[in-house]
Amino acid sequence: MERSNYLIDTNIAIYYFGKILPKESELFIEKIFHETYYISVINRIELLGFKDIDDTEKINGLKIIKISPFINEKEE
């Protein structure tokens, strides 16, 4: 079976961490988190700035995809 790579959108992550996704969608996202997935550094910054998500350990554990050296340098 071929594995897929996923780029997680900020809103999907917000809905997932905020536990407001329908159960079927939540299970699908959990499955993705056990496969190969990424967020952009911009997504990470947006998630860390979202007041209703206080689980920074999970956010910091997400896999970051490199967008450009300039943007990634600013975040690090």
C-alpha atoms as a PDB file:
ATOM      1  CA  MET A   1       0.000   0.000   0.000  1.00  0.00           C
ATOM      2  CA  GLU A   2       1.360   3.397  -0.988  1.00  0.00           C
ATOM      3  CA  ARG A   3       1.760   6.018   1.737  1.00  0.00           C
ATOM      4  CA  SER A   4       0.621   9.560   1.131  1.00  0.00           C
ATOM      5  CA  ASN A   5       2.171  12.836   2.226  1.00  0.00           C
ATOM      6  CA  TYR A   6      -0.144  15.492   3.618  1.00  0.00           C
ATOM      7  CA  LEU A   7       0.212  19.224   4.141  1.00  0.00           C
ATOM      8  CA  ILE A   8      -2.040  20.171   7.063  1.00  0.00           C
ATOM      9  CA  ASP A   9      -3.964  23.434   6.732  1.00  0.00           C
ATOM     10  CA  THR A  10      -4.030  25.773   9.737  1.00  0.00           C
ATOM     11  CA  ASN A  11      -7.821  25.650  10.038  1.00  0.00           C
ATOM     12  CA  ILE A  12      -7.874  21.858  10.044  1.00  0.00           C
ATOM     13  CA  ALA A  13      -5.252  21.814  12.802  1.00  0.00           C
ATOM     14  CA  ILE A  14      -7.231  24.410  14.789  1.00  0.00           C
ATOM     15  CA  TYR A  15     -10.416  22.365  14.461  1.00  0.00           C
ATOM     16  CA  TYR A  16      -8.554  19.180  15.387  1.00  0.00           C
ATOM     17  CA  PHE A  17      -6.777  20.590  18.451  1.00  0.00           C
ATOM     18  CA  GLY A  18      -9.953  22.442  19.440  1.00  0.00           C
ATOM     19  CA  LYS A  19     -11.850  19.141  19.240  1.00  0.00           C
ATOM     20  CA  ILE A  20     -14.563  20.568  16.997  1.00  0.00           C
ATOM     21  CA  LEU A  21     -14.189  18.248  14.011  1.00  0.00           C
ATOM     22  CA  PRO A  22     -16.842  15.616  13.353  1.00  0.00           C
ATOM     23  CA  LYS A  23     -15.709  12.256  14.743  1.00  0.00           C
ATOM     24  CA  GLU A  24     -15.096  10.786  11.279  1.00  0.00           C
ATOM     25  CA  SER A  25     -12.855  13.732  10.346  1.00  0.00           C
ATOM     26  CA  GLU A  26     -11.034  13.567  13.676  1.00  0.00           C
ATOM     27  CA  LEU A  27     -10.243   9.890  13.095  1.00  0.00           C
ATOM     28  CA  PHE A  28      -8.989  10.669   9.583  1.00  0.00           C
ATOM     29  CA  ILE A  29      -6.674  13.423  10.890  1.00  0.00           C
ATOM     30  CA  GLU A  30      -5.355  11.084  13.600  1.00  0.00           C
ATOM     31  CA  LYS A  31      -4.594   8.555  10.864  1.00  0.00           C
ATOM     32  CA  ILE A  32      -2.705  11.234   8.930  1.00  0.00           C
ATOM     33  CA  PHE A  33      -0.682  12.108  12.041  1.00  0.00           C
ATOM     34  CA  HIS A  34       0.562   8.511  12.049  1.00  0.00           C
ATOM     35  CA  GLU A  35       1.662   8.822   8.414  1.00  0.00           C
ATOM     36  CA  THR A  36       3.817  11.413   6.691  1.00  0.00           C
ATOM     37  CA  TYR A  37       2.430  14.904   7.141  1.00  0.00           C
ATOM     38  CA  TYR A  38       3.771  18.433   7.346  1.00  0.00           C
ATOM     39  CA  ILE A  39       2.779  21.945   8.274  1.00  0.00           C
ATOM     40  CA  SER A  40       4.490  25.069   7.040  1.00  0.00           C
ATOM     41  CA  VAL A  41       6.421  27.310   9.388  1.00  0.00           C
ATOM     42  CA  ILE A  42       3.668  29.888   8.805  1.00  0.00           C
ATOM     43  CA  ASN A  43       1.036  27.354   9.925  1.00  0.00           C
ATOM     44  CA  ARG A  44       3.083  26.710  13.078  1.00  0.00           C
ATOM     45  CA  ILE A  45       3.253  30.426  13.910  1.00  0.00           C
ATOM     46  CA  GLU A  46      -0.492  30.777  13.314  1.00  0.00           C
ATOM     47  CA  LEU A  47      -1.229  27.788  15.571  1.00  0.00           C
ATOM     48  CA  LEU A  48       1.004  29.070  18.368  1.00  0.00           C
ATOM     49  CA  GLY A  49      -0.777  32.427  18.182  1.00  0.00           C
ATOM     50  CA  PHE A  50      -4.272  30.934  18.336  1.00  0.00           C
ATOM     51  CA  LYS A  51      -5.604  31.582  21.837  1.00  0.00           C
ATOM     52  CA  ASP A  52      -7.875  28.532  22.048  1.00  0.00           C
ATOM     53  CA  ILE A  53      -5.044  26.050  21.557  1.00  0.00           C
ATOM     54  CA  ASP A  54      -2.829  25.675  24.583  1.00  0.00           C
ATOM     55  CA  ASP A  55      -1.166  22.396  23.684  1.00  0.00           C
ATOM     56  CA  THR A  56       2.118  23.816  22.372  1.00  0.00           C
ATOM     57  CA  GLU A  57       3.866  20.484  22.935  1.00  0.00           C
ATOM     58  CA  LYS A  58       1.720  18.882  20.227  1.00  0.00           C
ATOM     59  CA  ILE A  59       2.157  21.892  17.933  1.00  0.00           C
ATOM     60  CA  ASN A  60       5.928  21.867  18.390  1.00  0.00           C
ATOM     61  CA  GLY A  61       5.910  18.156  17.543  1.00  0.00           C
ATOM     62  CA  LEU A  62       4.398  18.714  14.100  1.00  0.00           C
ATOM     63  CA  LYS A  63       6.709  18.196  11.136  1.00  0.00           C
ATOM     64  CA  ILE A  64       7.676  21.487   9.481  1.00  0.00           C
ATOM     65  CA  ILE A  65       8.121  21.673   5.720  1.00  0.00           C
ATOM     66  CA  LYS A  66      10.683  24.198   4.497  1.00  0.00           C
ATOM     67  CA  ILE A  67       9.131  27.015   2.479  1.00  0.00           C
ATOM     68  CA  SER A  68      12.143  29.181   1.773  1.00  0.00           C
ATOM     69  CA  PRO A  69      15.431  29.795   3.565  1.00  0.00           C
ATOM     70  CA  PHE A  70      14.408  33.396   4.348  1.00  0.00           C
ATOM     71  CA  ILE A  71      11.090  32.478   5.979  1.00  0.00           C
ATOM     72  CA  ASN A  72      12.484  29.519   7.905  1.00  0.00           C
ATOM     73  CA  GLU A  73      15.430  31.616   9.139  1.00  0.00           C
ATOM     74  CA  LYS A  74      13.028  34.215  10.579  1.00  0.00           C
ATOM     75  CA  GLU A  75      11.080  31.560  12.508  1.00  0.00           C
ATOM     76  CA  GLU A  76      14.108  29.798  13.982  1.00  0.00           C
END
